[in-house]
C-alpha atoms as a PDB file:
ATOM      1  CA  MET A   1       0.025   0.073  -0.034  1.00  0.00           C
ATOM      2  CA  ALA A   2       1.408   3.402  -0.942  1.00  0.00           C
ATOM      3  CA  ARG A   3       1.803   6.060   1.734  1.00  0.00           C
ATOM      4  CA  LYS A   4      -0.399   9.170   1.651  1.00  0.00           C
ATOM      5  CA  ASN A   5       1.305  12.542   1.601  1.00  0.00           C
ATOM      6  CA  ARG A   6       0.452  15.122   4.159  1.00  0.00           C
ATOM      7  CA  ILE A   7       1.675  18.733   4.862  1.00  0.00           C
ATOM      8  CA  VAL A   8       0.976  19.562   8.594  1.00  0.00           C
ATOM      9  CA  SER A   9       2.099  22.152  10.938  1.00  0.00           C
ATOM     10  CA  PHE A  10       4.024  20.699  13.887  1.00  0.00           C
ATOM     11  CA  HIS A  11       1.564  22.468  16.306  1.00  0.00           C
ATOM     12  CA  LYS A  12      -1.372  20.743  14.746  1.00  0.00           C
ATOM     13  CA  MET A  13       0.007  17.190  14.677  1.00  0.00           C
ATOM     14  CA  LYS A  14      -1.473  14.311  16.638  1.00  0.00           C
ATOM     15  CA  ARG A  15       0.185  13.625  19.955  1.00  0.00           C
ATOM     16  CA  GLU A  16       1.256  10.152  18.974  1.00  0.00           C
ATOM     17  CA  VAL A  17       2.992  11.417  15.848  1.00  0.00           C
ATOM     18  CA  VAL A  18       4.783  14.198  17.831  1.00  0.00           C
ATOM     19  CA  HIS A  19       5.960  11.448  20.209  1.00  0.00           C
ATOM     20  CA  LEU A  20       7.402   9.414  17.249  1.00  0.00           C
ATOM     21  CA  ILE A  21       9.143  12.585  15.932  1.00  0.00           C
ATOM     22  CA  HIS A  22      10.709  13.257  19.300  1.00  0.00           C
ATOM     23  CA  LYS A  23      11.854   9.521  19.412  1.00  0.00           C
ATOM     24  CA  LYS A  24      13.423   9.703  15.969  1.00  0.00           C
ATOM     25  CA  TYR A  25      15.158  13.157  16.613  1.00  0.00           C
ATOM     26  CA  PRO A  26      15.978  13.205  20.348  1.00  0.00           C
ATOM     27  CA  LEU A  27      18.475  16.003  19.776  1.00  0.00           C
ATOM     28  CA  GLY A  28      16.176  18.025  17.519  1.00  0.00           C
ATOM     29  CA  TRP A  29      15.489  18.154  13.794  1.00  0.00           C
ATOM     30  CA  ASP A  30      17.335  21.446  12.908  1.00  0.00           C
ATOM     31  CA  ASP A  31      19.602  19.709  10.486  1.00  0.00           C
ATOM     32  CA  GLU A  32      16.572  18.269   8.625  1.00  0.00           C
ATOM     33  CA  ILE A  33      14.779  21.675   7.994  1.00  0.00           C
ATOM     34  CA  LYS A  34      14.466  22.890   4.411  1.00  0.00           C
ATOM     35  CA  PHE A  35      13.098  26.113   2.986  1.00  0.00           C
ATOM     36  CA  TYR A  36      10.142  25.804   0.605  1.00  0.00           C
ATOM     37  CA  ASN A  37       9.252  28.853  -1.514  1.00  0.00           C
ATOM     38  CA  LEU A  38       5.822  28.615  -3.148  1.00  0.00           C
ATOM     39  CA  GLY A  39       6.249  32.007  -4.936  1.00  0.00           C
ATOM     40  CA  ALA A  40       3.993  35.040  -4.655  1.00  0.00           C
ATOM     41  CA  GLY A  41       5.606  35.832  -1.218  1.00  0.00           C
ATOM     42  CA  LYS A  42       4.531  32.470   0.281  1.00  0.00           C
ATOM     43  CA  SER A  43       7.116  30.256   1.858  1.00  0.00           C
ATOM     44  CA  PHE A  44       7.697  27.935   4.869  1.00  0.00           C
ATOM     45  CA  TYR A  45      10.256  25.829   6.608  1.00  0.00           C
ATOM     46  CA  ALA A  46       9.609  22.044   6.999  1.00  0.00           C
ATOM     47  CA  PHE A  47      11.220  18.649   7.419  1.00  0.00           C
ATOM     48  CA  ASN A  48      10.230  15.214   6.161  1.00  0.00           C
ATOM     49  CA  PHE A  49       8.891  12.474   8.510  1.00  0.00           C
ATOM     50  CA  ILE A  50       7.720   9.010   7.347  1.00  0.00           C
ATOM     51  CA  THR A  51       5.323   6.715   9.183  1.00  0.00           C
ATOM     52  CA  GLU A  52       3.879   3.429   7.927  1.00  0.00           C
ATOM     53  CA  GLU A  53       0.791   5.303   6.722  1.00  0.00           C
ATOM     54  CA  TYR A  54       2.060   8.800   5.743  1.00  0.00           C
ATOM     55  CA  ASN A  55       4.804  10.817   4.211  1.00  0.00           C
ATOM     56  CA  TYR A  56       4.630  13.997   6.339  1.00  0.00           C
ATOM     57  CA  LEU A  57       6.088  17.360   5.409  1.00  0.00           C
ATOM     58  CA  VAL A  58       6.158  18.961   8.925  1.00  0.00           C
ATOM     59  CA  LYS A  59       5.947  22.722   8.885  1.00  0.00           C
ATOM     60  CA  VAL A  60       7.891  24.461  11.754  1.00  0.00           C
ATOM     61  CA  ASP A  61       8.350  27.984  12.909  1.00  0.00           C
ATOM     62  CA  MET A  62      11.864  29.322  12.224  1.00  0.00           C
ATOM     63  CA  ASN A  63      13.509  32.409  13.841  1.00  0.00           C
ATOM     64  CA  VAL A  64      14.728  33.911  10.540  1.00  0.00           C
ATOM     65  CA  ASP A  65      16.795  36.441  12.303  1.00  0.00           C
ATOM     66  CA  TYR A  66      19.317  33.558  13.026  1.00  0.00           C
ATOM     67  CA  PHE A  67      18.874  31.554   9.801  1.00  0.00           C
ATOM     68  CA  VAL A  68      20.378  32.515   6.529  1.00  0.00           C
ATOM     69  CA  GLU A  69      21.219  29.748   4.120  1.00  0.00           C
ATOM     70  CA  GLY A  70      24.991  29.099   4.120  1.00  0.00           C
ATOM     71  CA  VAL A  71      25.681  31.397   7.119  1.00  0.00           C
ATOM     72  CA  GLU A  72      25.527  30.414  10.785  1.00  0.00           C
ATOM     73  CA  PHE A  73      24.968  32.964  13.570  1.00  0.00           C
ATOM     74  CA  GLU A  74      25.493  32.470  17.203  1.00  0.00           C
ATOM     75  CA  GLU A  75      22.761  33.130  19.631  1.00  0.00           C
ATOM     76  CA  PRO A  76      23.143  36.471  21.503  1.00  0.00           C
ATOM     77  CA  LYS A  77      24.678  36.080  24.885  1.00  0.00           C
ATOM     78  CA  ASN A  78      22.950  37.328  27.892  1.00  0.00           C
ATOM     79  CA  GLU A  79      25.749  38.878  29.761  1.00  0.00           C
ATOM     80  CA  GLU A  80      23.744  39.531  32.947  1.00  0.00           C
ATOM     81  CA  ALA A  81      22.987  35.873  33.230  1.00  0.00           C
ATOM     82  CA  ASP A  82      26.720  35.066  33.259  1.00  0.00           C
ATOM     83  CA  SER A  83      27.691  37.480  36.050  1.00  0.00           C
ATOM     84  CA  TYR A  84      26.807  36.753  39.728  1.00  0.00           C
END
């Protein structure tokens, strides 16, 4: 039986599937995220996740201030938290 394709926001996924995602990517899925440009100013970030029934394209929110393709930025340091 062929798998069905689904595009779903991470926040709208069923709890069981979210559990499977966390099990497959215990350290996060940052390395799996890709940019999808639909044209006309519409785009999103997502990663693939496959189950026995579905091929999911899981849409995720990205902080684009820290993501530019080919360039890595460091998170800003909170200097107050480091000093006692």
